[in-house]
């Protein structure tokens, strides 16, 4: 899938996100300092925020076109999104969290890949940070998304667990047909796994 942002603009608190870029690799890395606009970029692609100007397209399908007031809602974009805080529901079980937003049967291959079958009856509040991250990944994947967005998936996880979660992410990348956009501060990791990397600073594209 090719993701095209054509003169996309979004005013933020301290600057304006302004991008013209094509994202074409199966795994695209997004780096930059905190507050550079990385999460806002994911929100635009996911349809959670609407640009003030410009167009966003997935291949030849427009999902945002400010000039014609076109905006495809997030629920119709078939995107899996794992935010930094995982956005899990503490009052629900693991299985209920994974099933949230989809009526499809649980995909056992994803449960097996992420090693979470035994966690299904538990409350998410009883899980470790690494386990919660795996639950958030499973929920994002259950709807068979055409694109997966990962916002700093290793943030808030103890260093000994980061390598394990990184292994799960690499397995997912090889297992999925869907491309991934991966926000991280780990440039060394991206150099190893990303086919394309972009850098943002104060809403502007620094390098490709």
N, C-alpha and C. Protein backbone atom coordinates (compact mmCIF):
# COMPACT_ATOMS: atom_id res chain seq x y z
N UNK A 1 0.84 -1.20 0.00
CA UNK A 1 0.00 0.00 0.00
C UNK A 1 0.87 1.25 0.00
N UNK A 2 0.50 2.21 -0.80
CA UNK A 2 1.16 3.51 -0.80
C UNK A 2 0.28 4.51 -0.06
N UNK A 3 0.85 5.17 0.94
CA UNK A 3 0.14 6.21 1.68
C UNK A 3 0.69 7.56 1.23
N UNK A 4 -0.19 8.39 0.70
CA UNK A 4 0.23 9.68 0.16
C UNK A 4 -0.38 10.81 0.97
N UNK A 5 0.48 11.71 1.44
CA UNK A 5 0.04 12.95 2.08
C UNK A 5 0.45 14.09 1.16
N UNK A 6 -0.52 14.80 0.65
CA UNK A 6 -0.29 15.85 -0.34
C UNK A 6 -0.61 17.21 0.27
N UNK A 7 0.44 17.96 0.63
CA UNK A 7 0.30 19.29 1.23
C UNK A 7 -0.66 19.26 2.41
N UNK A 8 -0.49 18.25 3.27
CA UNK A 8 -1.35 18.10 4.45
C UNK A 8 -0.88 19.05 5.54
N UNK A 9 -1.84 19.75 6.13
CA UNK A 9 -1.52 20.70 7.20
C UNK A 9 -2.47 20.52 8.37
N UNK A 10 -1.89 20.59 9.57
CA UNK A 10 -2.67 20.48 10.80
C UNK A 10 -2.07 21.40 11.85
N UNK A 11 -2.77 22.47 12.25
CA UNK A 11 -2.24 23.35 13.30
C UNK A 11 -2.18 22.62 14.64
N UNK A 12 -1.04 22.71 15.30
CA UNK A 12 -0.85 22.15 16.63
C UNK A 12 -0.56 23.29 17.60
N UNK A 13 -0.34 22.97 18.85
CA UNK A 13 -0.22 24.01 19.87
C UNK A 13 0.94 24.97 19.60
N UNK A 14 2.10 24.44 19.20
CA UNK A 14 3.28 25.28 19.06
C UNK A 14 3.78 25.42 17.63
N UNK A 15 3.21 24.67 16.70
CA UNK A 15 3.64 24.74 15.30
C UNK A 15 2.57 24.10 14.43
N UNK A 16 2.81 24.10 13.14
CA UNK A 16 1.88 23.48 12.21
C UNK A 16 2.53 22.24 11.60
N UNK A 17 1.82 21.12 11.65
CA UNK A 17 2.26 19.93 10.93
C UNK A 17 2.01 20.17 9.45
N UNK A 18 3.05 20.09 8.64
CA UNK A 18 2.94 20.38 7.20
C UNK A 18 3.77 19.35 6.44
N UNK A 19 3.09 18.46 5.72
CA UNK A 19 3.79 17.33 5.10
C UNK A 19 3.31 17.05 3.68
N UNK A 20 4.25 16.78 2.82
CA UNK A 20 4.01 16.17 1.52
C UNK A 20 4.98 15.00 1.42
N UNK A 21 4.44 13.78 1.41
CA UNK A 21 5.31 12.61 1.46
C UNK A 21 4.55 11.38 0.98
N UNK A 22 5.28 10.42 0.42
CA UNK A 22 4.73 9.12 0.07
C UNK A 22 5.40 8.05 0.93
N UNK A 23 4.60 7.24 1.59
CA UNK A 23 5.10 6.15 2.42
C UNK A 23 4.80 4.85 1.68
N UNK A 24 5.84 4.14 1.29
CA UNK A 24 5.65 3.02 0.37
C UNK A 24 6.18 1.69 0.88
N UNK A 25 7.04 1.68 1.88
CA UNK A 25 7.67 0.44 2.33
C UNK A 25 6.71 -0.40 3.16
N UNK A 26 6.92 -1.72 3.22
CA UNK A 26 6.09 -2.56 4.09
C UNK A 26 6.17 -2.17 5.56
N UNK A 27 7.34 -1.66 5.98
CA UNK A 27 7.47 -1.13 7.34
C UNK A 27 8.15 0.23 7.26
N UNK A 28 7.42 1.26 7.64
CA UNK A 28 7.92 2.63 7.61
C UNK A 28 8.19 3.08 9.04
N UNK A 29 9.41 3.51 9.31
CA UNK A 29 9.76 4.04 10.61
C UNK A 29 9.57 5.54 10.66
N UNK A 30 9.10 6.04 11.80
CA UNK A 30 8.89 7.47 12.00
C UNK A 30 9.63 7.87 13.27
N UNK A 31 10.62 8.74 13.14
CA UNK A 31 11.42 9.17 14.27
C UNK A 31 11.36 10.68 14.42
N UNK A 32 11.88 11.15 15.56
CA UNK A 32 11.89 12.58 15.83
C UNK A 32 11.79 12.81 17.31
N UNK A 33 12.14 14.01 17.78
CA UNK A 33 12.07 14.31 19.21
C UNK A 33 10.64 14.30 19.71
N UNK A 34 10.49 14.24 21.02
CA UNK A 34 9.16 14.30 21.62
C UNK A 34 8.47 15.60 21.21
N UNK A 35 7.19 15.51 20.88
CA UNK A 35 6.44 16.69 20.48
C UNK A 35 6.69 17.13 19.06
N UNK A 36 7.27 16.26 18.22
CA UNK A 36 7.60 16.65 16.85
C UNK A 36 6.41 16.54 15.91
N UNK A 37 5.34 15.86 16.35
CA UNK A 37 4.17 15.68 15.49
C UNK A 37 3.96 14.25 15.02
N UNK A 38 4.72 13.31 15.59
CA UNK A 38 4.66 11.92 15.13
C UNK A 38 3.28 11.29 15.42
N UNK A 39 2.80 11.46 16.64
CA UNK A 39 1.49 10.90 16.99
C UNK A 39 0.38 11.59 16.21
N UNK A 40 0.50 12.89 16.01
CA UNK A 40 -0.50 13.62 15.22
C UNK A 40 -0.56 13.09 13.79
N UNK A 41 0.60 12.72 13.24
CA UNK A 41 0.63 12.13 11.90
C UNK A 41 -0.14 10.81 11.88
N UNK A 42 0.09 9.96 12.88
CA UNK A 42 -0.66 8.70 12.94
C UNK A 42 -2.15 8.96 13.08
N UNK A 43 -2.52 9.94 13.91
CA UNK A 43 -3.93 10.27 14.10
C UNK A 43 -4.59 10.71 12.79
N UNK A 44 -3.86 11.47 11.98
CA UNK A 44 -4.39 11.89 10.68
C UNK A 44 -4.61 10.69 9.77
N UNK A 45 -3.64 9.81 9.72
CA UNK A 45 -3.75 8.63 8.86
C UNK A 45 -4.88 7.72 9.33
N UNK A 46 -5.04 7.62 10.65
CA UNK A 46 -6.09 6.77 11.21
C UNK A 46 -7.48 7.38 11.05
N UNK A 47 -7.54 8.67 10.76
CA UNK A 47 -8.84 9.34 10.65
C UNK A 47 -9.36 9.86 11.97
N UNK A 48 -8.51 9.87 13.01
CA UNK A 48 -8.92 10.38 14.31
C UNK A 48 -8.88 11.90 14.37
N UNK A 49 -8.11 12.51 13.46
CA UNK A 49 -8.08 13.96 13.33
C UNK A 49 -8.24 14.30 11.85
N UNK A 50 -8.79 15.47 11.60
CA UNK A 50 -9.02 15.91 10.22
C UNK A 50 -8.02 17.01 9.89
N UNK A 51 -7.36 16.92 8.74
CA UNK A 51 -6.41 17.97 8.37
C UNK A 51 -7.12 19.29 8.08
N UNK A 52 -6.38 20.38 8.25
CA UNK A 52 -6.92 21.70 7.92
C UNK A 52 -6.78 21.99 6.44
N UNK A 53 -5.87 21.28 5.78
CA UNK A 53 -5.67 21.44 4.33
C UNK A 53 -5.01 20.17 3.80
N UNK A 54 -5.16 19.97 2.49
CA UNK A 54 -4.46 18.87 1.84
C UNK A 54 -5.29 17.62 1.63
N UNK A 55 -4.60 16.57 1.15
CA UNK A 55 -5.25 15.31 0.81
C UNK A 55 -4.43 14.14 1.35
N UNK A 56 -5.15 13.09 1.75
CA UNK A 56 -4.52 11.84 2.18
C UNK A 56 -5.15 10.72 1.37
N UNK A 57 -4.30 9.84 0.82
CA UNK A 57 -4.81 8.73 0.01
C UNK A 57 -4.11 7.44 0.38
N UNK A 58 -4.86 6.34 0.32
CA UNK A 58 -4.30 4.99 0.43
C UNK A 58 -4.34 4.40 -0.96
N UNK A 59 -3.19 4.21 -1.57
CA UNK A 59 -3.13 3.86 -2.99
C UNK A 59 -3.92 4.91 -3.78
N UNK A 60 -4.95 4.51 -4.51
CA UNK A 60 -5.73 5.47 -5.29
C UNK A 60 -7.01 5.91 -4.59
N UNK A 61 -7.18 5.49 -3.34
CA UNK A 61 -8.41 5.81 -2.60
C UNK A 61 -8.19 7.04 -1.71
N UNK A 62 -8.89 8.11 -2.00
CA UNK A 62 -8.82 9.29 -1.13
C UNK A 62 -9.58 9.02 0.16
N UNK A 63 -8.94 9.34 1.29
CA UNK A 63 -9.63 9.24 2.58
C UNK A 63 -9.82 10.60 3.23
N UNK A 64 -9.04 11.59 2.78
CA UNK A 64 -9.23 12.98 3.20
C UNK A 64 -8.95 13.88 2.01
N UNK A 65 -9.83 14.83 1.78
CA UNK A 65 -9.62 15.86 0.76
C UNK A 65 -10.35 17.11 1.25
N UNK A 66 -9.59 18.00 1.85
CA UNK A 66 -10.20 19.18 2.47
C UNK A 66 -10.93 20.02 1.44
N UNK A 67 -10.40 20.11 0.23
CA UNK A 67 -11.01 20.95 -0.81
C UNK A 67 -12.43 20.52 -1.14
N UNK A 68 -12.69 19.22 -1.08
CA UNK A 68 -14.03 18.70 -1.40
C UNK A 68 -14.79 18.26 -0.14
N UNK A 69 -14.19 18.52 1.03
CA UNK A 69 -14.80 18.17 2.32
C UNK A 69 -14.97 16.66 2.50
N UNK A 70 -14.12 15.91 1.83
CA UNK A 70 -14.16 14.46 1.98
C UNK A 70 -13.40 14.04 3.24
N UNK A 71 -14.02 13.21 4.05
CA UNK A 71 -13.34 12.64 5.22
C UNK A 71 -13.94 11.28 5.50
N UNK A 72 -13.17 10.23 5.27
CA UNK A 72 -13.62 8.88 5.58
C UNK A 72 -13.40 8.64 7.07
N UNK A 73 -14.46 8.33 7.83
CA UNK A 73 -14.32 8.14 9.28
C UNK A 73 -13.35 7.01 9.62
N UNK A 74 -12.78 7.10 10.79
CA UNK A 74 -11.80 6.11 11.23
C UNK A 74 -12.34 4.69 11.15
N UNK A 75 -13.59 4.50 11.53
CA UNK A 75 -14.16 3.14 11.58
C UNK A 75 -14.27 2.50 10.21
N UNK A 76 -14.18 3.30 9.16
CA UNK A 76 -14.29 2.76 7.80
C UNK A 76 -12.93 2.64 7.09
N UNK A 77 -11.85 2.92 7.81
CA UNK A 77 -10.53 2.90 7.16
C UNK A 77 -9.81 1.56 7.30
N UNK A 78 -10.32 0.67 8.13
CA UNK A 78 -9.70 -0.64 8.34
C UNK A 78 -8.23 -0.50 8.76
N UNK A 79 -8.04 0.24 9.86
CA UNK A 79 -6.70 0.48 10.38
C UNK A 79 -6.62 -0.05 11.80
N UNK A 80 -5.55 -0.78 12.09
CA UNK A 80 -5.26 -1.17 13.46
C UNK A 80 -4.30 -0.17 14.07
N UNK A 81 -4.61 0.29 15.29
CA UNK A 81 -3.82 1.35 15.92
C UNK A 81 -3.49 0.93 17.34
N UNK A 82 -2.21 0.90 17.67
CA UNK A 82 -1.77 0.62 19.04
C UNK A 82 -1.13 1.89 19.58
N UNK A 83 -1.88 2.66 20.40
CA UNK A 83 -1.33 3.91 20.96
C UNK A 83 -0.32 3.62 22.06
N UNK A 84 0.38 4.66 22.48
CA UNK A 84 1.41 4.49 23.51
C UNK A 84 0.85 3.89 24.79
N UNK A 85 -0.35 4.34 25.19
CA UNK A 85 -0.91 3.88 26.46
C UNK A 85 -1.76 2.62 26.32
N UNK A 86 -1.79 2.03 25.15
CA UNK A 86 -2.51 0.78 24.83
C UNK A 86 -4.02 0.95 24.75
N UNK A 87 -4.60 1.91 25.49
CA UNK A 87 -6.04 2.19 25.46
C UNK A 87 -6.88 0.94 25.75
N UNK A 88 -6.45 0.15 26.74
CA UNK A 88 -7.23 -1.01 27.16
C UNK A 88 -8.27 -0.60 28.19
N UNK A 89 -9.33 -1.41 28.31
CA UNK A 89 -10.41 -1.12 29.25
C UNK A 89 -10.18 -1.93 30.53
N UNK A 90 -9.88 -1.27 31.65
CA UNK A 90 -9.52 -2.00 32.88
C UNK A 90 -10.66 -2.83 33.46
N UNK A 91 -11.92 -2.47 33.17
CA UNK A 91 -13.06 -3.20 33.74
C UNK A 91 -13.42 -4.43 32.92
N UNK A 92 -12.74 -4.65 31.80
CA UNK A 92 -13.03 -5.80 30.95
C UNK A 92 -11.91 -6.84 31.04
N UNK A 93 -12.26 -8.07 30.71
CA UNK A 93 -11.26 -9.13 30.66
C UNK A 93 -10.38 -8.96 29.42
N UNK A 94 -9.32 -9.73 29.37
CA UNK A 94 -8.45 -9.72 28.20
C UNK A 94 -9.24 -10.08 26.94
N UNK A 95 -10.03 -11.14 27.02
CA UNK A 95 -10.81 -11.56 25.85
C UNK A 95 -11.79 -10.48 25.43
N UNK A 96 -12.45 -9.83 26.39
CA UNK A 96 -13.41 -8.77 26.06
C UNK A 96 -12.70 -7.59 25.42
N UNK A 97 -11.50 -7.28 25.88
CA UNK A 97 -10.73 -6.20 25.26
C UNK A 97 -10.38 -6.54 23.82
N UNK A 98 -9.96 -7.77 23.59
CA UNK A 98 -9.57 -8.17 22.24
C UNK A 98 -10.76 -8.16 21.30
N UNK A 99 -11.91 -8.57 21.82
CA UNK A 99 -13.11 -8.64 20.99
C UNK A 99 -13.76 -7.28 20.78
N UNK A 100 -13.35 -6.28 21.54
CA UNK A 100 -14.01 -4.98 21.48
C UNK A 100 -13.94 -4.41 20.06
N UNK A 101 -15.09 -4.04 19.54
CA UNK A 101 -15.14 -3.40 18.23
C UNK A 101 -15.21 -4.35 17.06
N UNK A 102 -15.22 -5.67 17.32
CA UNK A 102 -15.34 -6.63 16.22
C UNK A 102 -16.27 -7.76 16.63
N UNK A 103 -17.03 -8.25 15.68
CA UNK A 103 -17.91 -9.38 15.92
C UNK A 103 -17.32 -10.68 15.38
N UNK A 104 -16.14 -10.59 14.82
CA UNK A 104 -15.51 -11.76 14.24
C UNK A 104 -15.01 -12.71 15.33
N UNK A 105 -14.86 -13.96 14.97
CA UNK A 105 -14.28 -14.93 15.89
C UNK A 105 -12.81 -14.60 16.14
N UNK A 106 -12.32 -14.96 17.32
CA UNK A 106 -10.92 -14.72 17.62
C UNK A 106 -10.04 -15.51 16.65
N UNK A 107 -9.04 -14.84 16.13
CA UNK A 107 -8.12 -15.49 15.19
C UNK A 107 -7.04 -16.21 15.99
N UNK A 108 -7.12 -17.52 16.02
CA UNK A 108 -6.23 -18.30 16.88
C UNK A 108 -4.77 -18.15 16.48
N UNK A 109 -4.49 -17.88 15.20
CA UNK A 109 -3.10 -17.73 14.81
C UNK A 109 -2.46 -16.51 15.46
N UNK A 110 -3.25 -15.45 15.63
CA UNK A 110 -2.73 -14.25 16.30
C UNK A 110 -2.53 -14.51 17.79
N UNK A 111 -3.50 -15.20 18.41
CA UNK A 111 -3.37 -15.55 19.83
C UNK A 111 -2.13 -16.41 20.05
N UNK A 112 -1.91 -17.36 19.15
CA UNK A 112 -0.75 -18.24 19.27
C UNK A 112 0.55 -17.46 19.06
N UNK A 113 0.56 -16.60 18.06
CA UNK A 113 1.76 -15.84 17.74
C UNK A 113 2.19 -14.96 18.90
N UNK A 114 1.20 -14.34 19.56
CA UNK A 114 1.48 -13.43 20.67
C UNK A 114 1.50 -14.13 22.02
N UNK A 115 1.23 -15.43 22.03
CA UNK A 115 1.28 -16.25 23.25
C UNK A 115 0.38 -15.68 24.35
N UNK A 116 -0.89 -15.50 24.02
CA UNK A 116 -1.81 -14.90 25.01
C UNK A 116 -3.04 -15.76 25.28
N UNK A 117 -3.08 -16.99 24.79
CA UNK A 117 -4.25 -17.84 25.02
C UNK A 117 -4.57 -17.99 26.51
N UNK A 118 -3.56 -18.16 27.32
CA UNK A 118 -3.79 -18.39 28.76
C UNK A 118 -4.20 -17.12 29.49
N UNK A 119 -4.06 -15.97 28.84
CA UNK A 119 -4.40 -14.70 29.50
C UNK A 119 -5.85 -14.28 29.28
N UNK A 120 -6.58 -14.95 28.40
CA UNK A 120 -7.90 -14.49 27.97
C UNK A 120 -8.87 -14.22 29.12
N UNK A 121 -8.95 -15.06 30.18
CA UNK A 121 -9.94 -14.79 31.22
C UNK A 121 -9.52 -13.73 32.24
N UNK A 122 -8.28 -13.28 32.19
CA UNK A 122 -7.78 -12.37 33.22
C UNK A 122 -8.19 -10.92 32.96
N UNK A 123 -8.16 -10.12 34.03
CA UNK A 123 -8.37 -8.68 33.91
C UNK A 123 -7.06 -8.03 33.46
N UNK A 124 -7.18 -6.99 32.66
CA UNK A 124 -5.95 -6.37 32.16
C UNK A 124 -5.16 -5.70 33.27
N UNK A 125 -5.84 -5.33 34.36
CA UNK A 125 -5.13 -4.69 35.48
C UNK A 125 -4.18 -5.65 36.18
N UNK A 126 -4.34 -6.94 35.95
CA UNK A 126 -3.46 -7.92 36.59
C UNK A 126 -2.26 -8.27 35.72
N UNK A 127 -2.15 -7.65 34.55
CA UNK A 127 -1.10 -8.01 33.60
C UNK A 127 0.11 -7.10 33.72
N UNK A 128 1.25 -7.61 33.29
CA UNK A 128 2.46 -6.80 33.22
C UNK A 128 2.38 -5.86 32.02
N UNK A 129 3.32 -4.91 31.95
CA UNK A 129 3.34 -3.99 30.83
C UNK A 129 3.52 -4.69 29.50
N UNK A 130 4.39 -5.70 29.48
CA UNK A 130 4.60 -6.45 28.24
C UNK A 130 3.38 -7.23 27.82
N UNK A 131 2.66 -7.81 28.80
CA UNK A 131 1.44 -8.55 28.49
C UNK A 131 0.36 -7.62 27.96
N UNK A 132 0.23 -6.44 28.58
CA UNK A 132 -0.76 -5.48 28.10
C UNK A 132 -0.46 -5.03 26.67
N UNK A 133 0.81 -4.88 26.35
CA UNK A 133 1.17 -4.47 24.99
C UNK A 133 0.76 -5.56 24.00
N UNK A 134 0.94 -6.81 24.37
CA UNK A 134 0.55 -7.90 23.47
C UNK A 134 -0.97 -7.95 23.29
N UNK A 135 -1.71 -7.62 24.35
CA UNK A 135 -3.18 -7.59 24.24
C UNK A 135 -3.60 -6.46 23.29
N UNK A 136 -2.96 -5.30 23.41
CA UNK A 136 -3.29 -4.18 22.53
C UNK A 136 -2.97 -4.52 21.07
N UNK A 137 -1.88 -5.23 20.85
CA UNK A 137 -1.54 -5.66 19.49
C UNK A 137 -2.58 -6.63 18.95
N UNK A 138 -2.99 -7.58 19.79
CA UNK A 138 -3.99 -8.57 19.36
C UNK A 138 -5.29 -7.89 18.99
N UNK A 139 -5.73 -6.93 19.81
CA UNK A 139 -6.98 -6.24 19.51
C UNK A 139 -6.90 -5.49 18.18
N UNK A 140 -5.76 -4.85 17.93
CA UNK A 140 -5.59 -4.09 16.68
C UNK A 140 -5.61 -5.01 15.47
N UNK A 141 -5.21 -6.26 15.66
CA UNK A 141 -5.08 -7.19 14.53
C UNK A 141 -6.33 -8.00 14.26
N UNK A 142 -7.24 -8.08 15.23
CA UNK A 142 -8.39 -8.97 15.09
C UNK A 142 -9.34 -8.56 13.97
N UNK A 143 -9.33 -7.31 13.60
CA UNK A 143 -10.23 -6.85 12.54
C UNK A 143 -9.60 -6.98 11.15
N UNK A 144 -8.46 -7.69 11.08
CA UNK A 144 -7.74 -7.87 9.80
C UNK A 144 -7.50 -6.53 9.11
N UNK A 145 -6.76 -5.62 9.76
CA UNK A 145 -6.56 -4.28 9.19
C UNK A 145 -5.71 -4.32 7.93
N UNK A 146 -5.90 -3.31 7.09
CA UNK A 146 -5.05 -3.19 5.90
C UNK A 146 -3.80 -2.38 6.20
N UNK A 147 -3.74 -1.79 7.41
CA UNK A 147 -2.60 -0.98 7.82
C UNK A 147 -2.53 -1.02 9.34
N UNK A 148 -1.32 -1.18 9.89
CA UNK A 148 -1.12 -1.22 11.34
C UNK A 148 -0.25 -0.05 11.76
N UNK A 149 -0.74 0.74 12.72
CA UNK A 149 -0.02 1.89 13.25
C UNK A 149 0.45 1.58 14.67
N UNK A 150 1.74 1.76 14.92
CA UNK A 150 2.33 1.46 16.22
C UNK A 150 3.00 2.72 16.75
N UNK A 151 2.48 3.26 17.85
CA UNK A 151 3.02 4.49 18.43
C UNK A 151 3.90 4.14 19.63
N UNK A 152 5.20 4.11 19.40
CA UNK A 152 6.19 3.78 20.42
C UNK A 152 5.79 2.52 21.18
N UNK A 153 5.73 1.37 20.51
CA UNK A 153 5.25 0.15 21.14
C UNK A 153 6.13 -0.37 22.27
N UNK A 154 7.36 0.12 22.39
CA UNK A 154 8.23 -0.33 23.47
C UNK A 154 8.28 0.65 24.63
N UNK A 155 7.55 1.76 24.52
CA UNK A 155 7.55 2.77 25.59
C UNK A 155 6.90 2.21 26.85
N UNK A 156 7.49 2.51 28.00
CA UNK A 156 6.91 2.10 29.27
C UNK A 156 7.12 0.65 29.62
N UNK A 157 7.94 -0.06 28.84
CA UNK A 157 8.21 -1.47 29.10
C UNK A 157 9.65 -1.60 29.60
N UNK A 158 9.84 -2.39 30.65
CA UNK A 158 11.18 -2.59 31.19
C UNK A 158 12.11 -3.12 30.10
N UNK A 159 13.37 -2.69 30.17
CA UNK A 159 14.32 -3.06 29.13
C UNK A 159 14.43 -4.58 28.91
N UNK A 160 14.43 -5.41 29.97
CA UNK A 160 14.51 -6.86 29.71
C UNK A 160 13.35 -7.38 28.86
N UNK A 161 12.18 -6.72 28.95
CA UNK A 161 11.02 -7.17 28.18
C UNK A 161 10.98 -6.58 26.77
N UNK A 162 11.73 -5.51 26.56
CA UNK A 162 11.67 -4.86 25.25
C UNK A 162 12.12 -5.78 24.12
N UNK A 163 13.17 -6.57 24.38
CA UNK A 163 13.65 -7.46 23.32
C UNK A 163 12.61 -8.51 22.97
N UNK A 164 11.84 -8.95 23.98
CA UNK A 164 10.80 -9.95 23.71
C UNK A 164 9.68 -9.34 22.88
N UNK A 165 9.22 -8.13 23.26
CA UNK A 165 8.17 -7.47 22.49
C UNK A 165 8.67 -7.17 21.08
N UNK A 166 9.93 -6.78 20.98
CA UNK A 166 10.52 -6.51 19.66
C UNK A 166 10.47 -7.77 18.80
N UNK A 167 10.71 -8.91 19.42
CA UNK A 167 10.62 -10.17 18.68
C UNK A 167 9.22 -10.44 18.17
N UNK A 168 8.21 -10.15 19.02
CA UNK A 168 6.82 -10.32 18.59
C UNK A 168 6.52 -9.40 17.40
N UNK A 169 7.00 -8.17 17.47
CA UNK A 169 6.74 -7.21 16.38
C UNK A 169 7.37 -7.67 15.08
N UNK A 170 8.57 -8.22 15.16
CA UNK A 170 9.23 -8.70 13.95
C UNK A 170 8.50 -9.91 13.38
N UNK A 171 7.98 -10.78 14.27
CA UNK A 171 7.19 -11.91 13.78
C UNK A 171 5.91 -11.43 13.11
N UNK A 172 5.27 -10.41 13.72
CA UNK A 172 4.05 -9.86 13.12
C UNK A 172 4.34 -9.28 11.74
N UNK A 173 5.46 -8.60 11.64
CA UNK A 173 5.82 -7.97 10.36
C UNK A 173 5.96 -9.02 9.26
N UNK A 174 6.56 -10.15 9.60
CA UNK A 174 6.73 -11.21 8.60
C UNK A 174 5.44 -12.00 8.38
N UNK A 175 4.53 -11.98 9.37
CA UNK A 175 3.30 -12.76 9.32
C UNK A 175 2.18 -12.03 8.59
N UNK A 176 2.17 -10.69 8.70
CA UNK A 176 1.05 -9.90 8.19
C UNK A 176 1.26 -9.48 6.74
N UNK A 177 0.15 -9.37 6.04
CA UNK A 177 0.20 -8.78 4.71
C UNK A 177 0.11 -7.26 4.80
N UNK A 178 -0.41 -6.75 5.92
CA UNK A 178 -0.62 -5.31 6.08
C UNK A 178 0.70 -4.59 6.36
N UNK A 179 0.92 -3.42 5.76
CA UNK A 179 2.09 -2.62 6.09
C UNK A 179 1.98 -2.03 7.49
N UNK A 180 3.12 -1.61 8.03
CA UNK A 180 3.18 -1.07 9.38
C UNK A 180 3.86 0.29 9.37
N UNK A 181 3.31 1.22 10.17
CA UNK A 181 3.97 2.49 10.46
C UNK A 181 4.38 2.44 11.92
N UNK A 182 5.66 2.65 12.18
CA UNK A 182 6.26 2.36 13.47
C UNK A 182 6.95 3.62 14.01
N UNK A 183 6.36 4.23 15.04
CA UNK A 183 6.95 5.40 15.69
C UNK A 183 7.88 4.91 16.81
N UNK A 184 9.11 5.40 16.82
CA UNK A 184 10.06 4.99 17.85
C UNK A 184 11.16 6.03 17.97
N UNK A 185 11.91 5.93 19.08
CA UNK A 185 13.12 6.74 19.24
C UNK A 185 14.37 5.91 18.95
N UNK A 186 14.18 4.62 18.67
CA UNK A 186 15.30 3.70 18.49
C UNK A 186 15.71 3.66 17.02
N UNK A 187 16.63 4.53 16.65
CA UNK A 187 17.07 4.59 15.25
C UNK A 187 17.81 3.32 14.83
N UNK A 188 18.54 2.74 15.76
CA UNK A 188 19.28 1.52 15.44
C UNK A 188 18.32 0.39 15.08
N UNK A 189 17.23 0.30 15.82
CA UNK A 189 16.23 -0.73 15.53
C UNK A 189 15.61 -0.51 14.15
N UNK A 190 15.28 0.73 13.84
CA UNK A 190 14.67 1.03 12.54
C UNK A 190 15.63 0.73 11.40
N UNK A 191 16.91 0.99 11.61
CA UNK A 191 17.89 0.72 10.56
C UNK A 191 17.91 -0.76 10.21
N UNK A 192 17.52 -1.60 11.18
CA UNK A 192 17.55 -3.05 10.96
C UNK A 192 16.29 -3.57 10.31
N UNK A 193 15.12 -2.96 10.62
CA UNK A 193 13.86 -3.57 10.18
C UNK A 193 13.05 -2.71 9.21
N UNK A 194 13.28 -1.39 9.19
CA UNK A 194 12.42 -0.51 8.38
C UNK A 194 12.93 -0.42 6.95
N UNK A 195 12.00 -0.46 6.00
CA UNK A 195 12.36 -0.27 4.60
C UNK A 195 12.42 1.19 4.21
N UNK A 196 11.80 2.04 5.03
CA UNK A 196 11.78 3.49 4.78
C UNK A 196 11.66 4.17 6.13
N UNK A 197 12.39 5.24 6.32
CA UNK A 197 12.33 5.99 7.58
C UNK A 197 12.16 7.47 7.27
N UNK A 198 11.25 8.11 7.99
CA UNK A 198 11.12 9.56 7.90
C UNK A 198 11.37 10.16 9.27
N UNK A 199 11.88 11.37 9.28
CA UNK A 199 12.14 12.08 10.52
C UNK A 199 11.34 13.38 10.54
N UNK A 200 10.68 13.62 11.67
CA UNK A 200 9.92 14.85 11.85
C UNK A 200 10.57 15.72 12.92
N UNK A 201 10.50 17.03 12.72
CA UNK A 201 10.92 17.99 13.73
C UNK A 201 10.01 19.20 13.63
N UNK A 202 9.27 19.46 14.70
CA UNK A 202 8.31 20.57 14.74
C UNK A 202 7.37 20.55 13.52
N UNK A 203 6.90 19.35 13.21
CA UNK A 203 5.90 19.21 12.16
C UNK A 203 6.42 19.19 10.75
N UNK A 204 7.74 19.29 10.58
CA UNK A 204 8.33 19.33 9.24
C UNK A 204 9.11 18.05 8.97
N UNK A 205 9.14 17.65 7.72
CA UNK A 205 9.92 16.50 7.31
C UNK A 205 11.39 16.89 7.24
N UNK A 206 12.23 16.16 7.98
CA UNK A 206 13.66 16.48 8.01
C UNK A 206 14.41 15.66 6.98
N UNK A 207 14.24 14.34 7.00
CA UNK A 207 14.94 13.48 6.06
C UNK A 207 14.03 12.36 5.61
N UNK A 208 14.39 11.73 4.50
CA UNK A 208 13.71 10.54 4.01
C UNK A 208 14.73 9.42 3.88
